[in-house]
Amino acid sequence: MPKYEGVYQDAKARWYFKVWLGRDPLSGKQVQLTKRGFATAADAARARRRALDEADGLPRVSALPATLTVDELLDHYLDGIDADGKLS
């Protein structure tokens, strides 16, 4: 059975994958995507490659400097709302 990077088998003999997508620019926490429930390791590997391809198409957000004023942070927040189109 071939070994695929980032693909694992759970206790119920189902397959899942994990993808590391970098760090959140505001919190500094790791951003990881996990999808479960694939019947074969090959299915999980294909879905993992698709997830990586989709993540490559997303715009990257540059990290904000650690010394922001409240006014500057509010400007970044409001710019995000404008780009998102949602106020939530």
C-alpha atoms as a PDB file:
ATOM      1  CA  MET A   1       0.000   0.000   0.000  1.00  0.00           C
ATOM      2  CA  PRO A   2       1.554   3.366  -1.019  1.00  0.00           C
ATOM      3  CA  LYS A   3       2.178   6.036   1.580  1.00  0.00           C
ATOM      4  CA  TYR A   4       0.849   9.507   0.752  1.00  0.00           C
ATOM      5  CA  GLU A   5       2.114  12.654   2.440  1.00  0.00           C
ATOM      6  CA  GLY A   6      -0.408  14.099   4.885  1.00  0.00           C
ATOM      7  CA  VAL A   7      -2.809  11.129   4.557  1.00  0.00           C
ATOM      8  CA  TYR A   8      -3.612   8.992   7.595  1.00  0.00           C
ATOM      9  CA  GLN A   9      -5.903   6.129   8.606  1.00  0.00           C
ATOM     10  CA  ASP A  10      -8.183   6.446  11.619  1.00  0.00           C
ATOM     11  CA  ALA A  11      -9.286   3.764  14.084  1.00  0.00           C
ATOM     12  CA  LYS A  12     -12.319   2.862  11.931  1.00  0.00           C
ATOM     13  CA  ALA A  13     -10.103   2.106   8.894  1.00  0.00           C
ATOM     14  CA  ARG A  14     -11.276   5.273   7.111  1.00  0.00           C
ATOM     15  CA  TRP A  15      -8.788   7.703   5.600  1.00  0.00           C
ATOM     16  CA  TYR A  16      -8.306  11.417   6.198  1.00  0.00           C
ATOM     17  CA  PHE A  17      -5.861  14.145   5.291  1.00  0.00           C
ATOM     18  CA  LYS A  18      -4.345  17.188   6.951  1.00  0.00           C
ATOM     19  CA  VAL A  19      -3.018  20.257   5.157  1.00  0.00           C
ATOM     20  CA  TRP A  20      -0.996  22.998   6.808  1.00  0.00           C
ATOM     21  CA  LEU A  21      -1.964  26.334   5.243  1.00  0.00           C
ATOM     22  CA  GLY A  22       0.408  28.622   7.133  1.00  0.00           C
ATOM     23  CA  ARG A  23      -0.170  30.961  10.042  1.00  0.00           C
ATOM     24  CA  ASP A  24      -2.977  33.388  10.732  1.00  0.00           C
ATOM     25  CA  PRO A  25      -1.438  36.853  10.351  1.00  0.00           C
ATOM     26  CA  LEU A  26      -3.309  38.360  13.314  1.00  0.00           C
ATOM     27  CA  SER A  27      -3.192  35.594  15.912  1.00  0.00           C
ATOM     28  CA  GLY A  28      -0.037  33.800  14.753  1.00  0.00           C
ATOM     29  CA  LYS A  29      -1.807  30.433  15.152  1.00  0.00           C
ATOM     30  CA  GLN A  30      -1.340  27.614  12.663  1.00  0.00           C
ATOM     31  CA  VAL A  31      -4.084  27.174  10.088  1.00  0.00           C
ATOM     32  CA  GLN A  32      -4.769  23.522   9.316  1.00  0.00           C
ATOM     33  CA  LEU A  33      -7.439  21.858   7.211  1.00  0.00           C
ATOM     34  CA  THR A  34      -8.543  18.312   8.045  1.00  0.00           C
ATOM     35  CA  LYS A  35     -11.056  16.302   6.022  1.00  0.00           C
ATOM     36  CA  ARG A  36     -12.173  12.814   7.029  1.00  0.00           C
ATOM     37  CA  GLY A  37     -14.182   9.880   5.729  1.00  0.00           C
ATOM     38  CA  PHE A  38     -12.396   8.727   2.575  1.00  0.00           C
ATOM     39  CA  ALA A  39     -12.668   5.064   1.600  1.00  0.00           C
ATOM     40  CA  THR A  40      -9.111   4.800   0.238  1.00  0.00           C
ATOM     41  CA  ALA A  41      -5.791   6.518   0.788  1.00  0.00           C
ATOM     42  CA  ALA A  42      -5.731   7.477  -2.896  1.00  0.00           C
ATOM     43  CA  ASP A  43      -9.074   9.289  -2.561  1.00  0.00           C
ATOM     44  CA  ALA A  44      -7.781  11.205   0.446  1.00  0.00           C
ATOM     45  CA  ALA A  45      -4.547  12.082  -1.396  1.00  0.00           C
ATOM     46  CA  ARG A  46      -6.504  13.397  -4.414  1.00  0.00           C
ATOM     47  CA  ALA A  47      -8.728  15.521  -2.163  1.00  0.00           C
ATOM     48  CA  ARG A  48      -5.628  16.804  -0.364  1.00  0.00           C
ATOM     49  CA  ARG A  49      -4.054  17.877  -3.667  1.00  0.00           C
ATOM     50  CA  ARG A  50      -7.295  19.663  -4.646  1.00  0.00           C
ATOM     51  CA  ALA A  51      -7.363  21.460  -1.279  1.00  0.00           C
ATOM     52  CA  LEU A  52      -3.755  22.567  -1.757  1.00  0.00           C
ATOM     53  CA  ASP A  53      -4.514  23.774  -5.287  1.00  0.00           C
ATOM     54  CA  GLU A  54      -7.496  25.770  -4.046  1.00  0.00           C
ATOM     55  CA  ALA A  55      -5.433  27.261  -1.216  1.00  0.00           C
ATOM     56  CA  ASP A  56      -2.754  28.320  -3.724  1.00  0.00           C
ATOM     57  CA  GLY A  57      -5.395  30.355  -5.557  1.00  0.00           C
ATOM     58  CA  LEU A  58      -6.374  32.314  -2.453  1.00  0.00           C
ATOM     59  CA  PRO A  59      -4.873  35.748  -1.941  1.00  0.00           C
ATOM     60  CA  ARG A  60      -2.201  35.793   0.729  1.00  0.00           C
ATOM     61  CA  VAL A  61      -2.556  38.236   3.579  1.00  0.00           C
ATOM     62  CA  SER A  62       0.666  39.830   4.685  1.00  0.00           C
ATOM     63  CA  ALA A  63       1.410  39.867   8.381  1.00  0.00           C
ATOM     64  CA  LEU A  64       0.566  43.036  10.227  1.00  0.00           C
ATOM     65  CA  PRO A  65       3.277  44.772  12.217  1.00  0.00           C
ATOM     66  CA  ALA A  66       3.262  44.109  15.946  1.00  0.00           C
ATOM     67  CA  THR A  67       3.162  47.809  16.800  1.00  0.00           C
ATOM     68  CA  LEU A  68      -0.176  48.929  15.417  1.00  0.00           C
ATOM     69  CA  THR A  69      -2.205  51.731  16.856  1.00  0.00           C
ATOM     70  CA  VAL A  70      -5.909  51.136  17.467  1.00  0.00           C
ATOM     71  CA  ASP A  71      -6.669  53.451  14.538  1.00  0.00           C
ATOM     72  CA  GLU A  72      -4.442  51.428  12.165  1.00  0.00           C
ATOM     73  CA  LEU A  73      -5.910  48.134  13.373  1.00  0.00           C
ATOM     74  CA  LEU A  74      -9.435  49.481  12.834  1.00  0.00           C
ATOM     75  CA  ASP A  75      -8.478  50.517   9.283  1.00  0.00           C
ATOM     76  CA  HIS A  76      -7.283  46.946   8.534  1.00  0.00           C
ATOM     77  CA  TYR A  77     -10.449  45.504  10.052  1.00  0.00           C
ATOM     78  CA  LEU A  78     -12.741  47.768   8.039  1.00  0.00           C
ATOM     79  CA  ASP A  79     -10.788  47.043   4.842  1.00  0.00           C
ATOM     80  CA  GLY A  80     -11.426  43.341   5.507  1.00  0.00           C
ATOM     81  CA  ILE A  81     -15.153  43.955   5.847  1.00  0.00           C
ATOM     82  CA  ASP A  82     -15.171  45.883   2.555  1.00  0.00           C
ATOM     83  CA  ALA A  83     -13.343  43.048   0.789  1.00  0.00           C
ATOM     84  CA  ASP A  84     -15.568  40.394   2.362  1.00  0.00           C
ATOM     85  CA  GLY A  85     -18.820  42.188   1.669  1.00  0.00           C
ATOM     86  CA  LYS A  86     -20.264  40.924   4.950  1.00  0.00           C
ATOM     87  CA  LEU A  87     -20.596  42.511   8.338  1.00  0.00           C
ATOM     88  CA  SER A  88     -20.524  39.619  10.782  1.00  0.00           C
END
